[in-house]
Amino acid sequence: MFAISLGDDQAELRPLEPWQAEEFLAHMDRARELVDPWIPFAGYATDLASARALLQRYADKQAADTGRLYGIWLDGGLVGGVLFQTFDAASGNCEIGVWLEPAAQGRGLITRAAERLIDWAVYERGMHRVEWDASPGNTRSIAVAKRLGMTRDGVLRQSYLYRGERHDSEIWSLLAPEWRARRA
C-alpha cells in the first residue's frame, strides 16, 4: 500500500479498499451528520455489508479505470476522503468529490488532498477537465472549489432527488492549462 503525505501534520492520503469496511463504517458514523445533508454518500454505508459494498464498487471502478476512492488519515485514524466520482480517460473529464468528519475540519486537508488528485489527473493521466459538484448551500465545499482556482460553470436546477426532495447542484470546473499555470 502507498501513502501520500498531506503536509507536516501527520495527514496521509491512502487508497480506501473493501478490507477496510469496518474502519470506513466507524468513520461514516462519525461523519454522517455533517456529510449526509450534502451528499448521499453517507447514506450508502449504514452497516458493515453496505460499507463493504460501497468500497467494492469503487474498487471495481478503479479496476475499470472509471473512478477511484482515497481515505484521508490523520494521526493514524480515518477522518475523510476524496474520490473520482467519475473518471473518463477517453474524454479527458473527471469529477472529484470530498468529505471530512467534524474533528478534522479547519486544517486544509480537503484542499491538499484535492490538489493531489488534480495533480495526478492532469499530469499523470492527461485529464483536461476536472469538475466539482456542490449543493449551493454547502459553503465549505464551494470555498474549496474557489481555493482550487475553479470557475463556477452554473447551476443545474433541481438536478437530483435526495430524501424525497429535489436539489440544485452548482458545477465548478478547472481546465488542465489553468491548473498547470497555477502550479507553475
N, C-alpha and C. Protein backbone atom coordinates (compact mmCIF):
# COMPACT_ATOMS: atom_id res chain seq x y z
N MET A 1 0.84 -1.17 0.00
CA MET A 1 0.00 0.00 0.00
C MET A 1 0.89 1.24 0.00
N PHE A 2 0.37 2.32 -0.53
CA PHE A 2 1.12 3.56 -0.54
C PHE A 2 0.39 4.60 0.30
N ALA A 3 1.12 5.60 0.71
CA ALA A 3 0.56 6.74 1.42
C ALA A 3 1.24 8.00 0.89
N ILE A 4 0.46 9.03 0.67
CA ILE A 4 0.98 10.31 0.21
C ILE A 4 0.78 11.31 1.34
N SER A 5 1.85 11.94 1.75
CA SER A 5 1.78 12.92 2.82
C SER A 5 0.95 14.13 2.37
N LEU A 6 0.14 14.64 3.28
CA LEU A 6 -0.63 15.85 3.02
C LEU A 6 -0.06 17.04 3.79
N GLY A 7 1.19 16.91 4.22
CA GLY A 7 1.82 18.01 4.93
C GLY A 7 2.50 17.52 6.19
N ASP A 8 2.81 18.45 7.06
CA ASP A 8 3.58 18.10 8.25
C ASP A 8 2.71 17.82 9.47
N ASP A 9 1.41 17.61 9.29
CA ASP A 9 0.53 17.38 10.43
C ASP A 9 0.09 15.92 10.56
N GLN A 10 0.91 14.99 10.12
CA GLN A 10 0.62 13.56 10.22
C GLN A 10 -0.62 13.16 9.45
N ALA A 11 -0.89 13.84 8.36
CA ALA A 11 -2.03 13.53 7.50
C ALA A 11 -1.53 12.83 6.25
N GLU A 12 -2.27 11.79 5.84
CA GLU A 12 -1.90 11.00 4.67
C GLU A 12 -3.12 10.70 3.82
N LEU A 13 -2.87 10.56 2.55
CA LEU A 13 -3.86 10.12 1.58
C LEU A 13 -3.50 8.68 1.20
N ARG A 14 -4.47 7.77 1.36
CA ARG A 14 -4.22 6.36 1.03
C ARG A 14 -5.44 5.78 0.31
N PRO A 15 -5.23 4.72 -0.47
CA PRO A 15 -6.39 4.04 -1.07
C PRO A 15 -7.33 3.55 0.04
N LEU A 16 -8.60 3.58 -0.23
CA LEU A 16 -9.61 3.08 0.69
C LEU A 16 -10.24 1.86 0.03
N GLU A 17 -10.05 0.68 0.64
CA GLU A 17 -10.36 -0.58 -0.03
C GLU A 17 -11.36 -1.40 0.78
N PRO A 18 -12.00 -2.41 0.14
CA PRO A 18 -13.04 -3.19 0.81
C PRO A 18 -12.62 -3.82 2.14
N TRP A 19 -11.37 -4.21 2.28
CA TRP A 19 -10.94 -4.83 3.54
C TRP A 19 -10.98 -3.84 4.70
N GLN A 20 -11.14 -2.55 4.41
CA GLN A 20 -11.19 -1.52 5.45
C GLN A 20 -12.62 -1.11 5.79
N ALA A 21 -13.59 -1.94 5.45
CA ALA A 21 -15.01 -1.60 5.62
C ALA A 21 -15.36 -1.27 7.06
N GLU A 22 -14.81 -1.97 8.01
CA GLU A 22 -15.15 -1.71 9.41
C GLU A 22 -14.68 -0.31 9.84
N GLU A 23 -13.44 0.02 9.47
CA GLU A 23 -12.91 1.35 9.80
C GLU A 23 -13.69 2.43 9.05
N PHE A 24 -14.03 2.16 7.79
CA PHE A 24 -14.80 3.10 7.00
C PHE A 24 -16.19 3.34 7.61
N LEU A 25 -16.85 2.28 8.04
CA LEU A 25 -18.17 2.43 8.65
C LEU A 25 -18.09 3.25 9.94
N ALA A 26 -17.10 2.98 10.77
CA ALA A 26 -16.94 3.76 12.01
C ALA A 26 -16.72 5.24 11.67
N HIS A 27 -15.93 5.50 10.65
CA HIS A 27 -15.70 6.88 10.21
C HIS A 27 -17.00 7.50 9.70
N MET A 28 -17.75 6.78 8.87
CA MET A 28 -19.01 7.31 8.35
C MET A 28 -19.98 7.62 9.49
N ASP A 29 -19.98 6.78 10.51
CA ASP A 29 -20.85 7.04 11.67
C ASP A 29 -20.47 8.36 12.35
N ARG A 30 -19.18 8.65 12.40
CA ARG A 30 -18.73 9.93 12.99
C ARG A 30 -19.04 11.11 12.08
N ALA A 31 -18.99 10.88 10.77
CA ALA A 31 -19.13 11.96 9.80
C ALA A 31 -20.56 12.13 9.29
N ARG A 32 -21.41 11.15 9.53
CA ARG A 32 -22.72 11.10 8.88
C ARG A 32 -23.54 12.40 9.04
N GLU A 33 -23.61 12.92 10.23
CA GLU A 33 -24.44 14.11 10.46
C GLU A 33 -23.97 15.30 9.63
N LEU A 34 -22.67 15.44 9.47
CA LEU A 34 -22.12 16.55 8.69
C LEU A 34 -22.22 16.28 7.19
N VAL A 35 -21.97 15.05 6.77
CA VAL A 35 -21.91 14.71 5.36
C VAL A 35 -23.29 14.53 4.75
N ASP A 36 -24.19 13.90 5.49
CA ASP A 36 -25.48 13.49 4.95
C ASP A 36 -26.32 14.62 4.35
N PRO A 37 -26.34 15.82 4.92
CA PRO A 37 -27.17 16.85 4.28
C PRO A 37 -26.72 17.25 2.88
N TRP A 38 -25.46 16.98 2.54
CA TRP A 38 -24.92 17.47 1.28
C TRP A 38 -24.78 16.40 0.21
N ILE A 39 -24.42 15.21 0.62
CA ILE A 39 -24.21 14.15 -0.37
C ILE A 39 -24.80 12.84 0.14
N PRO A 40 -25.32 12.02 -0.75
CA PRO A 40 -25.92 10.76 -0.31
C PRO A 40 -24.90 9.69 0.08
N PHE A 41 -23.63 9.99 -0.06
CA PHE A 41 -22.56 9.03 0.20
C PHE A 41 -22.70 8.37 1.58
N ALA A 42 -22.96 9.18 2.60
CA ALA A 42 -23.07 8.65 3.96
C ALA A 42 -24.23 7.69 4.09
N GLY A 43 -25.29 7.92 3.36
CA GLY A 43 -26.46 7.05 3.42
C GLY A 43 -26.26 5.70 2.76
N TYR A 44 -25.20 5.57 1.98
CA TYR A 44 -24.92 4.30 1.31
C TYR A 44 -24.17 3.32 2.20
N ALA A 45 -23.58 3.80 3.28
CA ALA A 45 -22.79 2.95 4.18
C ALA A 45 -23.37 3.04 5.58
N THR A 46 -24.34 2.19 5.86
CA THR A 46 -25.04 2.25 7.14
C THR A 46 -24.81 1.03 8.01
N ASP A 47 -24.24 -0.01 7.44
CA ASP A 47 -23.87 -1.21 8.19
C ASP A 47 -22.65 -1.81 7.50
N LEU A 48 -22.10 -2.86 8.08
CA LEU A 48 -20.85 -3.41 7.55
C LEU A 48 -21.00 -3.90 6.11
N ALA A 49 -22.12 -4.55 5.80
CA ALA A 49 -22.31 -5.07 4.44
C ALA A 49 -22.40 -3.93 3.43
N SER A 50 -23.14 -2.88 3.75
CA SER A 50 -23.28 -1.78 2.79
C SER A 50 -21.98 -0.98 2.68
N ALA A 51 -21.23 -0.87 3.77
CA ALA A 51 -19.93 -0.20 3.71
C ALA A 51 -18.98 -0.98 2.82
N ARG A 52 -18.96 -2.29 2.99
CA ARG A 52 -18.09 -3.13 2.16
C ARG A 52 -18.53 -3.04 0.69
N ALA A 53 -19.82 -3.04 0.43
CA ALA A 53 -20.33 -2.96 -0.95
C ALA A 53 -19.93 -1.63 -1.60
N LEU A 54 -20.01 -0.54 -0.85
CA LEU A 54 -19.60 0.76 -1.39
C LEU A 54 -18.12 0.77 -1.74
N LEU A 55 -17.30 0.26 -0.83
CA LEU A 55 -15.86 0.20 -1.10
C LEU A 55 -15.56 -0.73 -2.27
N GLN A 56 -16.31 -1.82 -2.39
CA GLN A 56 -16.11 -2.73 -3.51
C GLN A 56 -16.51 -2.07 -4.83
N ARG A 57 -17.58 -1.28 -4.79
CA ARG A 57 -18.00 -0.58 -6.00
C ARG A 57 -16.87 0.32 -6.51
N TYR A 58 -16.18 1.00 -5.58
CA TYR A 58 -15.06 1.86 -6.00
C TYR A 58 -13.83 1.05 -6.39
N ALA A 59 -13.62 -0.09 -5.78
CA ALA A 59 -12.53 -0.97 -6.22
C ALA A 59 -12.79 -1.43 -7.65
N ASP A 60 -14.05 -1.74 -7.95
CA ASP A 60 -14.41 -2.14 -9.31
C ASP A 60 -14.24 -0.97 -10.29
N LYS A 61 -14.61 0.23 -9.84
CA LYS A 61 -14.41 1.42 -10.69
C LYS A 61 -12.93 1.63 -10.96
N GLN A 62 -12.10 1.44 -9.95
CA GLN A 62 -10.67 1.62 -10.16
C GLN A 62 -10.15 0.59 -11.15
N ALA A 63 -10.60 -0.66 -11.01
CA ALA A 63 -10.16 -1.70 -11.94
C ALA A 63 -10.59 -1.40 -13.37
N ALA A 64 -11.74 -0.75 -13.52
CA ALA A 64 -12.24 -0.38 -14.85
C ALA A 64 -11.74 1.00 -15.30
N ASP A 65 -10.95 1.65 -14.46
CA ASP A 65 -10.41 2.99 -14.73
C ASP A 65 -11.52 4.02 -14.94
N THR A 66 -12.58 3.93 -14.11
CA THR A 66 -13.70 4.86 -14.22
C THR A 66 -13.95 5.63 -12.91
N GLY A 67 -13.14 5.40 -11.90
CA GLY A 67 -13.28 6.09 -10.63
C GLY A 67 -12.25 5.59 -9.64
N ARG A 68 -12.09 6.31 -8.54
CA ARG A 68 -11.12 5.94 -7.51
C ARG A 68 -11.59 6.52 -6.19
N LEU A 69 -11.16 5.89 -5.09
CA LEU A 69 -11.55 6.33 -3.75
C LEU A 69 -10.32 6.29 -2.84
N TYR A 70 -10.09 7.40 -2.14
CA TYR A 70 -8.96 7.51 -1.23
C TYR A 70 -9.43 8.02 0.12
N GLY A 71 -8.84 7.49 1.18
CA GLY A 71 -9.13 7.98 2.51
C GLY A 71 -8.09 8.99 2.95
N ILE A 72 -8.52 9.86 3.85
CA ILE A 72 -7.61 10.81 4.49
C ILE A 72 -7.44 10.34 5.93
N TRP A 73 -6.20 10.02 6.28
CA TRP A 73 -5.88 9.59 7.64
C TRP A 73 -5.13 10.71 8.35
N LEU A 74 -5.52 10.97 9.57
CA LEU A 74 -4.87 11.98 10.40
C LEU A 74 -4.49 11.31 11.71
N ASP A 75 -3.21 11.36 12.05
CA ASP A 75 -2.71 10.71 13.26
C ASP A 75 -3.15 9.24 13.34
N GLY A 76 -3.15 8.57 12.18
CA GLY A 76 -3.45 7.15 12.11
C GLY A 76 -4.92 6.79 12.03
N GLY A 77 -5.83 7.77 12.08
CA GLY A 77 -7.26 7.47 12.01
C GLY A 77 -7.89 8.03 10.75
N LEU A 78 -8.83 7.29 10.20
CA LEU A 78 -9.55 7.72 9.01
C LEU A 78 -10.50 8.86 9.38
N VAL A 79 -10.34 10.02 8.72
CA VAL A 79 -11.14 11.21 9.05
C VAL A 79 -11.90 11.78 7.86
N GLY A 80 -11.65 11.28 6.66
CA GLY A 80 -12.33 11.82 5.49
C GLY A 80 -11.90 11.11 4.24
N GLY A 81 -12.26 11.69 3.11
CA GLY A 81 -11.87 11.07 1.87
C GLY A 81 -12.07 11.97 0.67
N VAL A 82 -11.46 11.56 -0.42
CA VAL A 82 -11.61 12.20 -1.71
C VAL A 82 -11.77 11.09 -2.74
N LEU A 83 -12.46 11.42 -3.81
CA LEU A 83 -12.70 10.39 -4.81
C LEU A 83 -12.86 10.99 -6.17
N PHE A 84 -12.65 10.16 -7.15
CA PHE A 84 -13.05 10.47 -8.51
C PHE A 84 -14.41 9.81 -8.66
N GLN A 85 -15.46 10.61 -8.55
CA GLN A 85 -16.82 10.09 -8.72
C GLN A 85 -16.96 9.51 -10.12
N THR A 86 -16.45 10.27 -11.09
CA THR A 86 -16.37 9.78 -12.46
C THR A 86 -14.95 10.05 -12.96
N PHE A 87 -14.51 9.22 -13.85
CA PHE A 87 -13.18 9.35 -14.44
C PHE A 87 -13.27 8.77 -15.84
N ASP A 88 -13.25 9.63 -16.84
CA ASP A 88 -13.37 9.20 -18.23
C ASP A 88 -12.11 9.61 -18.98
N ALA A 89 -11.16 8.69 -19.02
CA ALA A 89 -9.88 8.98 -19.64
C ALA A 89 -10.02 9.29 -21.14
N ALA A 90 -10.96 8.65 -21.80
CA ALA A 90 -11.13 8.86 -23.24
C ALA A 90 -11.56 10.30 -23.54
N SER A 91 -12.46 10.84 -22.73
CA SER A 91 -12.92 12.22 -22.97
C SER A 91 -12.05 13.25 -22.26
N GLY A 92 -11.25 12.79 -21.28
CA GLY A 92 -10.41 13.71 -20.53
C GLY A 92 -11.16 14.47 -19.45
N ASN A 93 -12.28 13.93 -19.00
CA ASN A 93 -13.10 14.58 -17.97
C ASN A 93 -13.22 13.71 -16.73
N CYS A 94 -13.19 14.38 -15.57
CA CYS A 94 -13.40 13.66 -14.32
C CYS A 94 -14.10 14.58 -13.33
N GLU A 95 -14.67 13.97 -12.28
CA GLU A 95 -15.31 14.73 -11.22
C GLU A 95 -14.75 14.29 -9.88
N ILE A 96 -14.38 15.26 -9.08
CA ILE A 96 -13.85 15.00 -7.74
C ILE A 96 -14.96 15.22 -6.72
N GLY A 97 -15.00 14.35 -5.71
CA GLY A 97 -15.89 14.53 -4.57
C GLY A 97 -15.07 14.43 -3.29
N VAL A 98 -15.57 15.03 -2.22
CA VAL A 98 -14.83 15.08 -0.95
C VAL A 98 -15.78 15.00 0.23
N TRP A 99 -15.25 14.61 1.38
CA TRP A 99 -15.97 14.70 2.64
C TRP A 99 -14.96 14.64 3.78
N LEU A 100 -15.38 15.12 4.95
CA LEU A 100 -14.50 15.17 6.11
C LEU A 100 -15.34 15.17 7.38
N GLU A 101 -14.90 14.45 8.39
CA GLU A 101 -15.65 14.47 9.64
C GLU A 101 -15.32 15.74 10.43
N PRO A 102 -16.21 16.15 11.31
CA PRO A 102 -16.06 17.44 12.00
C PRO A 102 -14.73 17.63 12.74
N ALA A 103 -14.21 16.61 13.37
CA ALA A 103 -12.99 16.76 14.18
C ALA A 103 -11.77 17.13 13.35
N ALA A 104 -11.82 16.92 12.05
CA ALA A 104 -10.66 17.19 11.20
C ALA A 104 -10.79 18.47 10.38
N GLN A 105 -11.86 19.19 10.55
CA GLN A 105 -12.07 20.40 9.76
C GLN A 105 -11.12 21.51 10.16
N GLY A 106 -10.93 22.45 9.24
CA GLY A 106 -10.15 23.64 9.51
C GLY A 106 -8.65 23.47 9.40
N ARG A 107 -8.19 22.36 8.83
CA ARG A 107 -6.75 22.09 8.70
C ARG A 107 -6.27 22.13 7.25
N GLY A 108 -7.19 22.34 6.32
CA GLY A 108 -6.81 22.36 4.91
C GLY A 108 -6.64 20.98 4.30
N LEU A 109 -7.10 19.94 4.98
CA LEU A 109 -6.90 18.58 4.49
C LEU A 109 -7.61 18.33 3.16
N ILE A 110 -8.83 18.80 3.04
CA ILE A 110 -9.57 18.57 1.80
C ILE A 110 -8.91 19.28 0.63
N THR A 111 -8.52 20.51 0.82
CA THR A 111 -7.86 21.25 -0.26
C THR A 111 -6.58 20.55 -0.68
N ARG A 112 -5.75 20.15 0.29
CA ARG A 112 -4.49 19.49 -0.05
C ARG A 112 -4.71 18.15 -0.72
N ALA A 113 -5.70 17.38 -0.24
CA ALA A 113 -5.99 16.08 -0.86
C ALA A 113 -6.51 16.26 -2.28
N ALA A 114 -7.40 17.24 -2.49
CA ALA A 114 -7.92 17.50 -3.83
C ALA A 114 -6.80 17.94 -4.77
N GLU A 115 -5.87 18.74 -4.27
CA GLU A 115 -4.72 19.13 -5.09
C GLU A 115 -3.94 17.92 -5.57
N ARG A 116 -3.74 16.94 -4.69
CA ARG A 116 -3.01 15.72 -5.08
C ARG A 116 -3.75 14.97 -6.18
N LEU A 117 -5.08 14.87 -6.04
CA LEU A 117 -5.87 14.18 -7.06
C LEU A 117 -5.81 14.92 -8.39
N ILE A 118 -5.93 16.23 -8.34
CA ILE A 118 -5.89 17.01 -9.58
C ILE A 118 -4.52 16.91 -10.23
N ASP A 119 -3.45 16.99 -9.44
CA ASP A 119 -2.10 16.82 -9.99
C ASP A 119 -2.00 15.49 -10.74
N TRP A 120 -2.45 14.42 -10.10
CA TRP A 120 -2.37 13.09 -10.71
C TRP A 120 -3.21 13.04 -11.99
N ALA A 121 -4.43 13.56 -11.92
CA ALA A 121 -5.33 13.51 -13.08
C ALA A 121 -4.75 14.29 -14.26
N VAL A 122 -4.23 15.47 -13.99
CA VAL A 122 -3.72 16.33 -15.07
C VAL A 122 -2.35 15.87 -15.55
N TYR A 123 -1.41 15.70 -14.62
CA TYR A 123 -0.02 15.43 -15.02
C TYR A 123 0.24 13.96 -15.38
N GLU A 124 -0.37 13.05 -14.67
CA GLU A 124 -0.11 11.63 -14.93
C GLU A 124 -1.05 11.04 -15.98
N ARG A 125 -2.32 11.44 -15.92
CA ARG A 125 -3.32 10.81 -16.78
C ARG A 125 -3.77 11.68 -17.94
N GLY A 126 -3.34 12.92 -17.98
CA GLY A 126 -3.68 13.77 -19.11
C GLY A 126 -5.13 14.24 -19.15
N MET A 127 -5.78 14.28 -18.01
CA MET A 127 -7.16 14.76 -17.98
C MET A 127 -7.18 16.25 -18.35
N HIS A 128 -8.24 16.66 -19.02
CA HIS A 128 -8.36 18.05 -19.47
C HIS A 128 -9.29 18.88 -18.57
N ARG A 129 -10.36 18.26 -18.08
CA ARG A 129 -11.37 18.99 -17.30
C ARG A 129 -11.64 18.25 -15.99
N VAL A 130 -11.55 18.98 -14.88
CA VAL A 130 -11.87 18.44 -13.56
C VAL A 130 -13.08 19.19 -13.03
N GLU A 131 -14.12 18.45 -12.69
CA GLU A 131 -15.35 19.06 -12.21
C GLU A 131 -15.51 18.88 -10.70
N TRP A 132 -16.30 19.78 -10.13
CA TRP A 132 -16.63 19.79 -8.71
C TRP A 132 -18.11 20.10 -8.64
N ASP A 133 -18.88 19.23 -8.01
CA ASP A 133 -20.33 19.37 -7.91
C ASP A 133 -20.67 19.66 -6.46
N ALA A 134 -21.36 20.76 -6.18
CA ALA A 134 -21.67 21.14 -4.81
C ALA A 134 -23.09 21.67 -4.70
N SER A 135 -23.72 21.36 -3.60
CA SER A 135 -25.00 21.96 -3.28
C SER A 135 -24.77 23.45 -3.02
N PRO A 136 -25.62 24.33 -3.52
CA PRO A 136 -25.42 25.77 -3.30
C PRO A 136 -25.32 26.15 -1.82
N GLY A 137 -25.92 25.39 -0.95
CA GLY A 137 -25.85 25.68 0.48
C GLY A 137 -24.60 25.16 1.16
N ASN A 138 -23.81 24.37 0.46
CA ASN A 138 -22.61 23.79 1.05
C ASN A 138 -21.44 24.77 0.87
N THR A 139 -21.42 25.79 1.71
CA THR A 139 -20.43 26.87 1.56
C THR A 139 -19.00 26.38 1.75
N ARG A 140 -18.79 25.36 2.59
CA ARG A 140 -17.43 24.83 2.77
C ARG A 140 -16.92 24.20 1.47
N SER A 141 -17.75 23.44 0.81
CA SER A 141 -17.35 22.80 -0.44
C SER A 141 -17.08 23.84 -1.52
N ILE A 142 -17.93 24.85 -1.61
CA ILE A 142 -17.74 25.91 -2.60
C ILE A 142 -16.46 26.69 -2.31
N ALA A 143 -16.14 26.89 -1.03
CA ALA A 143 -14.90 27.58 -0.67
C ALA A 143 -13.68 26.79 -1.14
N VAL A 144 -13.73 25.46 -1.04
CA VAL A 144 -12.62 24.63 -1.52
C VAL A 144 -12.49 24.77 -3.03
N ALA A 145 -13.61 24.71 -3.75
CA ALA A 145 -13.56 24.85 -5.20
C ALA A 145 -12.89 26.18 -5.58
N LYS A 146 -13.23 27.23 -4.86
CA LYS A 146 -12.61 28.54 -5.12
C LYS A 146 -11.11 28.51 -4.81
N ARG A 147 -10.73 27.89 -3.68
CA ARG A 147 -9.30 27.81 -3.32
C ARG A 147 -8.52 27.03 -4.37
N LEU A 148 -9.16 26.08 -5.01
CA LEU A 148 -8.50 25.29 -6.05
C LEU A 148 -8.42 26.04 -7.38
N GLY A 149 -9.02 27.22 -7.45
CA GLY A 149 -8.98 28.02 -8.67
C GLY A 149 -10.03 27.63 -9.69
N MET A 150 -11.08 26.96 -9.24
CA MET A 150 -12.13 26.54 -10.15
C MET A 150 -13.05 27.70 -10.50
N THR A 151 -13.70 27.55 -11.63
CA THR A 151 -14.67 28.52 -12.13
C THR A 151 -16.07 27.93 -11.99
N ARG A 152 -17.00 28.75 -11.53
CA ARG A 152 -18.38 28.30 -11.42
C ARG A 152 -19.01 28.31 -12.80
N ASP A 153 -19.33 27.12 -13.30
CA ASP A 153 -19.91 27.00 -14.64
C ASP A 153 -21.40 27.32 -14.63
N GLY A 154 -22.08 27.01 -13.54
CA GLY A 154 -23.51 27.28 -13.48
C GLY A 154 -24.20 26.39 -12.47
N VAL A 155 -25.52 26.47 -12.49
CA VAL A 155 -26.36 25.70 -11.57
C VAL A 155 -27.26 24.78 -12.37
N LEU A 156 -27.27 23.52 -11.99
CA LEU A 156 -28.23 22.58 -12.55
C LEU A 156 -29.42 22.59 -11.59
N ARG A 157 -30.49 23.22 -12.01
CA ARG A 157 -31.64 23.40 -11.14
C ARG A 157 -32.37 22.09 -10.91
N GLN A 158 -32.61 21.82 -9.63
CA GLN A 158 -33.34 20.62 -9.20
C GLN A 158 -32.86 19.36 -9.93
N SER A 159 -31.55 19.21 -9.99
CA SER A 159 -30.96 18.14 -10.81
C SER A 159 -30.90 16.79 -10.14
N TYR A 160 -31.06 16.74 -8.80
CA TYR A 160 -31.03 15.41 -8.19
C TYR A 160 -32.05 15.31 -7.06
N LEU A 161 -32.57 14.11 -6.95
CA LEU A 161 -33.55 13.78 -5.92
C LEU A 161 -32.82 13.16 -4.74
N TYR A 162 -33.03 13.74 -3.56
CA TYR A 162 -32.39 13.22 -2.36
C TYR A 162 -33.38 13.31 -1.20
N ARG A 163 -33.67 12.17 -0.62
CA ARG A 163 -34.62 12.09 0.50
C ARG A 163 -35.96 12.72 0.16
N GLY A 164 -36.42 12.43 -1.06
CA GLY A 164 -37.73 12.88 -1.49
C GLY A 164 -37.82 14.34 -1.90
N GLU A 165 -36.70 15.03 -1.96
CA GLU A 165 -36.70 16.44 -2.30
C GLU A 165 -35.73 16.70 -3.45
N ARG A 166 -36.10 17.59 -4.36
CA ARG A 166 -35.23 17.94 -5.47
C ARG A 166 -34.27 19.03 -5.03
N HIS A 167 -33.01 18.92 -5.47
CA HIS A 167 -31.94 19.84 -5.07
C HIS A 167 -31.21 20.39 -6.29
N ASP A 168 -30.76 21.63 -6.16
CA ASP A 168 -29.90 22.24 -7.17
C ASP A 168 -28.47 21.73 -6.97
N SER A 169 -27.69 21.88 -8.01
CA SER A 169 -26.29 21.49 -7.95
C SER A 169 -25.46 22.53 -8.68
N GLU A 170 -24.47 23.10 -8.00
CA GLU A 170 -23.53 24.02 -8.65
C GLU A 170 -22.41 23.19 -9.27
N ILE A 171 -22.06 23.52 -10.48
CA ILE A 171 -20.95 22.86 -11.16
C ILE A 171 -19.80 23.85 -11.25
N TRP A 172 -18.67 23.43 -10.74
CA TRP A 172 -17.42 24.19 -10.80
C TRP A 172 -16.44 23.35 -11.61
N SER A 173 -15.49 23.99 -12.26
CA SER A 173 -14.51 23.22 -13.02
C SER A 173 -13.21 23.98 -13.16
N LEU A 174 -12.21 23.23 -13.53
CA LEU A 174 -10.95 23.82 -13.96
C LEU A 174 -10.43 22.99 -15.11
N LEU A 175 -9.67 23.65 -15.95
CA LEU A 175 -9.10 23.01 -17.14
C LEU A 175 -7.61 22.80 -16.92
N ALA A 176 -7.07 21.81 -17.58
CA ALA A 176 -5.66 21.47 -17.40
C ALA A 176 -4.73 22.67 -17.60
N PRO A 177 -4.91 23.49 -18.65
CA PRO A 177 -4.00 24.64 -18.80
C PRO A 177 -4.08 25.61 -17.60
N GLU A 178 -5.26 25.77 -17.03
CA GLU A 178 -5.42 26.64 -15.86
C GLU A 178 -4.68 26.06 -14.66
N TRP A 179 -4.79 24.74 -14.49
CA TRP A 179 -4.13 24.08 -13.36
C TRP A 179 -2.61 24.17 -13.51
N ARG A 180 -2.12 23.92 -14.71
CA ARG A 180 -0.67 23.99 -14.94
C ARG A 180 -0.16 25.40 -14.66
N ALA A 181 -0.91 26.41 -15.07
CA ALA A 181 -0.49 27.80 -14.83
C ALA A 181 -0.45 28.12 -13.34
N ARG A 182 -1.42 27.61 -12.58
CA ARG A 182 -1.45 27.82 -11.13
C ARG A 182 -0.27 27.15 -10.44
N ARG A 183 0.12 25.97 -10.95
CA ARG A 183 1.17 25.19 -10.30
C ARG A 183 2.57 25.61 -10.74
N ALA A 184 2.66 26.41 -11.80
CA ALA A 184 3.97 26.82 -12.33
C ALA A 184 4.66 27.80 -11.39
